Structures are given as structure tokens and as C-alpha cells.
Amino acid sequence: MAELSSRLRAVVDALPLRPGLRVIEVGGAPGAAAREVAGRIGPDGHVLVIDRSRKGVELVERHCSTQIAAGVMSVRLTSVEEATLSAGEAPYDLAFACRVGVLDGRHPARESEALDRLWRMLTPGGRIFVDTREPLGEVSRSS
């Protein structure tokens, strides 16, 4: 089982989590942070992990099988630049990403497309957090 590193613990601790939230983690393999988030938002919340790699999705499925079976977590094979809500899927309250190149400045040409996709998956008051500061920076809607 993937353990939560001190860096990821600081990230999760910095998120404004509360019971019942719907959360997206971008690039969440192997699932350690998502599992911790699921525990903090409780059975009425949900974590969606999106990962562009089939291997990453398989790792999340393996390490978070209990949460997935309980319906408090799901995982989707997609890049953040192509992510969308499924038909009938409720929007999310917040999204976060750690070491995701398209969101942390390593691939600036694709960043606005990725952020636009995330904003469309969030509620009107939704928030996005990226590890561009210690431990996280919040992205404004005007970015």
C-alpha cells in the first residue's frame, strides 16, 4: 500500500477539506494522497483521481481498492487537458495537483487549456490548488 510521504501530508493538510466535499486529484498515482483525502471528507464525499497513464490508473485501482469499492473514490484514465465530467456526474468542489507538469509551470503552452478543463468540472465556487508554493498555491479563476 502506498504510504503518505511528509510532502504529501503537508499538501493534504493545506487543503480546505471538510466532510462531504467532492475533490479531484490530478495525476494521483499511486493513490496515497487521494486515500488520505477520502478519509478526511468521509463517506458523503468523493475523490476522483485523473491520471494520463494506464499504469498510474492501475496503481490507484490497486492501492485504493477499498475506497473505490465503497464508492468514495473513482479513477479515470485521461489527461487533465481532455478531462470532462461524465454524463450526469455532479461537479466537484476543489481540485489539486502535485508535480503535474502542465499545471506547475513546466508546460506553460498547455496550462490554460488544462485549467479551463478543471474549472468546467468544478462548482461555481470551486477552487484549484497546485504545488507551485510551499506546500500549495491557489490558482485564481483569472489565471
C-alpha atoms as a PDB file:
ATOM      1  CA  MET A   1       0.000   0.000   0.000  1.00  0.00           C
ATOM      2  CA  ALA A   2       1.295   3.461  -0.914  1.00  0.00           C
ATOM      3  CA  GLU A   3       2.244   5.415   2.195  1.00  0.00           C
ATOM      4  CA  LEU A   4       1.760   9.151   2.539  1.00  0.00           C
ATOM      5  CA  SER A   5       5.089  10.992   2.405  1.00  0.00           C
ATOM      6  CA  SER A   6       5.706  14.017   4.598  1.00  0.00           C
ATOM      7  CA  ARG A   7       5.489  16.222   1.484  1.00  0.00           C
ATOM      8  CA  LEU A   8       2.079  14.807   0.519  1.00  0.00           C
ATOM      9  CA  ARG A   9       0.883  15.026   4.116  1.00  0.00           C
ATOM     10  CA  ALA A  10       1.725  18.763   4.074  1.00  0.00           C
ATOM     11  CA  VAL A  11      -0.203  19.131   0.803  1.00  0.00           C
ATOM     12  CA  VAL A  12      -3.278  17.322   2.123  1.00  0.00           C
ATOM     13  CA  ASP A  13      -3.083  19.256   5.410  1.00  0.00           C
ATOM     14  CA  ALA A  14      -3.083  22.532   3.418  1.00  0.00           C
ATOM     15  CA  LEU A  15      -6.275  21.682   1.503  1.00  0.00           C
ATOM     16  CA  PRO A  16      -9.501  23.213   2.870  1.00  0.00           C
ATOM     17  CA  LEU A  17     -11.146  19.815   3.319  1.00  0.00           C
ATOM     18  CA  ARG A  18     -14.397  19.157   5.131  1.00  0.00           C
ATOM     19  CA  PRO A  19     -16.851  16.266   5.207  1.00  0.00           C
ATOM     20  CA  GLY A  20     -18.921  15.826   2.064  1.00  0.00           C
ATOM     21  CA  LEU A  21     -16.631  17.622  -0.386  1.00  0.00           C
ATOM     22  CA  ARG A  22     -16.134  16.374  -3.933  1.00  0.00           C
ATOM     23  CA  VAL A  23     -12.417  16.529  -4.816  1.00  0.00           C
ATOM     24  CA  ILE A  24     -10.392  15.941  -7.979  1.00  0.00           C
ATOM     25  CA  GLU A  25      -6.762  14.903  -7.738  1.00  0.00           C
ATOM     26  CA  VAL A  26      -4.845  15.374 -10.974  1.00  0.00           C
ATOM     27  CA  GLY A  27      -2.069  12.853 -11.555  1.00  0.00           C
ATOM     28  CA  GLY A  28      -2.773  10.991  -8.350  1.00  0.00           C
ATOM     29  CA  ALA A  29      -0.889   7.721  -8.786  1.00  0.00           C
ATOM     30  CA  PRO A  30      -0.291   5.644  -6.727  1.00  0.00           C
ATOM     31  CA  GLY A  31      -3.221   6.969  -4.671  1.00  0.00           C
ATOM     32  CA  ALA A  32      -1.734   7.803  -1.276  1.00  0.00           C
ATOM     33  CA  ALA A  33      -2.941  11.430  -1.190  1.00  0.00           C
ATOM     34  CA  ALA A  34      -6.357  10.511  -2.618  1.00  0.00           C
ATOM     35  CA  ARG A  35      -6.797   7.837   0.032  1.00  0.00           C
ATOM     36  CA  GLU A  36      -5.962  10.347   2.777  1.00  0.00           C
ATOM     37  CA  VAL A  37      -8.344  12.926   1.281  1.00  0.00           C
ATOM     38  CA  ALA A  38     -11.121  10.309   1.079  1.00  0.00           C
ATOM     39  CA  GLY A  39     -10.639   9.571   4.767  1.00  0.00           C
ATOM     40  CA  ARG A  40     -10.954  13.242   5.654  1.00  0.00           C
ATOM     41  CA  ILE A  41     -14.033  14.036   3.560  1.00  0.00           C
ATOM     42  CA  GLY A  42     -15.861  10.953   4.781  1.00  0.00           C
ATOM     43  CA  PRO A  43     -18.473   8.694   3.269  1.00  0.00           C
ATOM     44  CA  ASP A  44     -20.561  11.569   1.884  1.00  0.00           C
ATOM     45  CA  GLY A  45     -17.637  12.974  -0.111  1.00  0.00           C
ATOM     46  CA  HIS A  46     -15.955  11.679  -3.246  1.00  0.00           C
ATOM     47  CA  VAL A  47     -12.457  11.773  -4.718  1.00  0.00           C
ATOM     48  CA  LEU A  48     -11.931  11.477  -8.464  1.00  0.00           C
ATOM     49  CA  VAL A  49      -8.344  10.696  -9.445  1.00  0.00           C
ATOM     50  CA  ILE A  50      -7.479  11.520 -13.034  1.00  0.00           C
ATOM     51  CA  ASP A  51      -4.237  10.222 -14.471  1.00  0.00           C
ATOM     52  CA  ARG A  52      -2.967  10.233 -18.032  1.00  0.00           C
ATOM     53  CA  SER A  53      -1.128   6.922 -17.642  1.00  0.00           C
ATOM     54  CA  ARG A  54      -2.716   3.489 -17.698  1.00  0.00           C
ATOM     55  CA  LYS A  55      -0.064   2.312 -15.231  1.00  0.00           C
ATOM     56  CA  GLY A  56      -0.973   5.188 -12.891  1.00  0.00           C
ATOM     57  CA  VAL A  57      -4.658   4.283 -13.051  1.00  0.00           C
ATOM     58  CA  GLU A  58      -3.830   0.638 -12.320  1.00  0.00           C
ATOM     59  CA  LEU A  59      -1.753   1.683  -9.288  1.00  0.00           C
ATOM     60  CA  VAL A  60      -4.613   3.771  -7.905  1.00  0.00           C
ATOM     61  CA  GLU A  61      -7.054   0.924  -8.510  1.00  0.00           C
ATOM     62  CA  ARG A  62      -4.762  -1.478  -6.648  1.00  0.00           C
ATOM     63  CA  HIS A  63      -3.820   0.807  -3.731  1.00  0.00           C
ATOM     64  CA  CYS A  64      -7.309   2.290  -3.267  1.00  0.00           C
ATOM     65  CA  SER A  65      -9.499  -0.718  -3.987  1.00  0.00           C
ATOM     66  CA  THR A  66     -11.292  -0.399  -0.628  1.00  0.00           C
ATOM     67  CA  GLN A  67     -12.229   3.252  -1.243  1.00  0.00           C
ATOM     68  CA  ILE A  68     -13.255   2.549  -4.839  1.00  0.00           C
ATOM     69  CA  ALA A  69     -15.432  -0.398  -3.761  1.00  0.00           C
ATOM     70  CA  ALA A  70     -17.051   1.809  -1.093  1.00  0.00           C
ATOM     71  CA  GLY A  71     -17.908   4.415  -3.738  1.00  0.00           C
ATOM     72  CA  VAL A  72     -15.930   7.222  -2.117  1.00  0.00           C
ATOM     73  CA  MET A  73     -13.284   7.228  -4.853  1.00  0.00           C
ATOM     74  CA  SER A  74     -13.121   6.709  -8.581  1.00  0.00           C
ATOM     75  CA  VAL A  75     -10.284   6.838 -11.074  1.00  0.00           C
ATOM     76  CA  ARG A  76     -10.317   7.905 -14.704  1.00  0.00           C
ATOM     77  CA  LEU A  77      -7.747   7.466 -17.468  1.00  0.00           C
ATOM     78  CA  THR A  78      -7.445  10.900 -19.068  1.00  0.00           C
ATOM     79  CA  SER A  79      -5.114  13.841 -19.323  1.00  0.00           C
ATOM     80  CA  VAL A  80      -6.220  16.964 -17.494  1.00  0.00           C
ATOM     81  CA  GLU A  81      -6.308  18.751 -20.872  1.00  0.00           C
ATOM     82  CA  GLU A  82      -9.018  16.328 -22.008  1.00  0.00           C
ATOM     83  CA  ALA A  83     -10.854  15.786 -18.719  1.00  0.00           C
ATOM     84  CA  THR A  84     -14.607  16.326 -18.607  1.00  0.00           C
ATOM     85  CA  LEU A  85     -17.481  15.422 -16.360  1.00  0.00           C
ATOM     86  CA  SER A  86     -19.300  12.261 -17.374  1.00  0.00           C
ATOM     87  CA  ALA A  87     -22.989  12.496 -18.239  1.00  0.00           C
ATOM     88  CA  GLY A  88     -24.922  13.087 -15.028  1.00  0.00           C
ATOM     89  CA  GLU A  89     -21.773  13.500 -12.914  1.00  0.00           C
ATOM     90  CA  ALA A  90     -22.033  16.214 -10.260  1.00  0.00           C
ATOM     91  CA  PRO A  91     -19.366  18.948 -10.332  1.00  0.00           C
ATOM     92  CA  TYR A  92     -16.538  18.987  -7.816  1.00  0.00           C
ATOM     93  CA  ASP A  93     -15.712  21.466  -5.068  1.00  0.00           C
ATOM     94  CA  LEU A  94     -11.959  21.540  -5.436  1.00  0.00           C
ATOM     95  CA  ALA A  95      -9.087  20.132  -7.437  1.00  0.00           C
ATOM     96  CA  PHE A  96      -5.443  19.717  -6.553  1.00  0.00           C
ATOM     97  CA  ALA A  97      -2.283  18.615  -8.316  1.00  0.00           C
ATOM     98  CA  CYS A  98       1.264  17.795  -7.236  1.00  0.00           C
ATOM     99  CA  ARG A  99       4.101  17.504  -9.699  1.00  0.00           C
ATOM    100  CA  VAL A 100       1.863  17.755 -12.744  1.00  0.00           C
ATOM    101  CA  GLY A 101       3.929  19.456 -15.438  1.00  0.00           C
ATOM    102  CA  VAL A 102       1.038  21.058 -17.298  1.00  0.00           C
ATOM    103  CA  LEU A 103      -0.067  22.816 -14.090  1.00  0.00           C
ATOM    104  CA  ASP A 104       3.188  23.609 -12.285  1.00  0.00           C
ATOM    105  CA  GLY A 105       4.846  25.695 -14.997  1.00  0.00           C
ATOM    106  CA  ARG A 106       6.838  23.033 -16.849  1.00  0.00           C
ATOM    107  CA  HIS A 107       4.484  23.091 -19.874  1.00  0.00           C
ATOM    108  CA  PRO A 108       3.079  26.635 -19.982  1.00  0.00           C
ATOM    109  CA  ALA A 109       1.696  26.323 -23.517  1.00  0.00           C
ATOM    110  CA  ARG A 110      -0.902  23.786 -22.314  1.00  0.00           C
ATOM    111  CA  GLU A 111      -1.561  25.234 -18.874  1.00  0.00           C
ATOM    112  CA  SER A 112      -4.546  27.452 -19.750  1.00  0.00           C
ATOM    113  CA  GLU A 113      -6.300  24.571 -21.548  1.00  0.00           C
ATOM    114  CA  ALA A 114      -5.742  22.291 -18.544  1.00  0.00           C
ATOM    115  CA  LEU A 115      -7.032  24.915 -16.097  1.00  0.00           C
ATOM    116  CA  ASP A 116     -10.040  25.626 -18.301  1.00  0.00           C
ATOM    117  CA  ARG A 117     -10.943  21.923 -18.254  1.00  0.00           C
ATOM    118  CA  LEU A 118     -10.661  21.821 -14.469  1.00  0.00           C
ATOM    119  CA  TRP A 119     -12.748  24.977 -13.985  1.00  0.00           C
ATOM    120  CA  ARG A 120     -15.505  23.401 -16.100  1.00  0.00           C
ATOM    121  CA  MET A 121     -15.537  20.361 -13.774  1.00  0.00           C
ATOM    122  CA  LEU A 122     -15.898  22.483 -10.623  1.00  0.00           C
ATOM    123  CA  THR A 123     -18.840  24.154  -8.936  1.00  0.00           C
ATOM    124  CA  PRO A 124     -19.070  27.957  -9.398  1.00  0.00           C
ATOM    125  CA  GLY A 125     -17.223  28.477  -6.089  1.00  0.00           C
ATOM    126  CA  GLY A 126     -14.735  25.678  -6.788  1.00  0.00           C
ATOM    127  CA  ARG A 127     -11.030  26.075  -6.067  1.00  0.00           C
ATOM    128  CA  ILE A 128      -7.825  24.740  -7.638  1.00  0.00           C
ATOM    129  CA  PHE A 129      -4.591  24.152  -5.723  1.00  0.00           C
ATOM    130  CA  VAL A 130      -1.202  23.339  -7.279  1.00  0.00           C
ATOM    131  CA  ASP A 131       2.177  22.709  -5.646  1.00  0.00           C
ATOM    132  CA  THR A 132       3.701  25.916  -7.007  1.00  0.00           C
ATOM    133  CA  ARG A 133       4.348  27.222  -3.474  1.00  0.00           C
ATOM    134  CA  GLU A 134       5.108  25.529  -0.172  1.00  0.00           C
ATOM    135  CA  PRO A 135       3.127  23.385   0.153  1.00  0.00           C
ATOM    136  CA  LEU A 136       0.394  24.655  -2.226  1.00  0.00           C
ATOM    137  CA  GLY A 137      -0.627  27.704  -4.184  1.00  0.00           C
ATOM    138  CA  GLU A 138      -4.213  28.503  -5.110  1.00  0.00           C
ATOM    139  CA  VAL A 139      -4.961  29.268  -8.748  1.00  0.00           C
ATOM    140  CA  SER A 140      -7.304  32.205  -9.339  1.00  0.00           C
ATOM    141  CA  ARG A 141     -10.083  31.963 -11.910  1.00  0.00           C
ATOM    142  CA  SER A 142      -8.480  34.797 -13.840  1.00  0.00           C
ATOM    143  CA  SER A 143      -5.254  32.811 -14.380  1.00  0.00           C
END
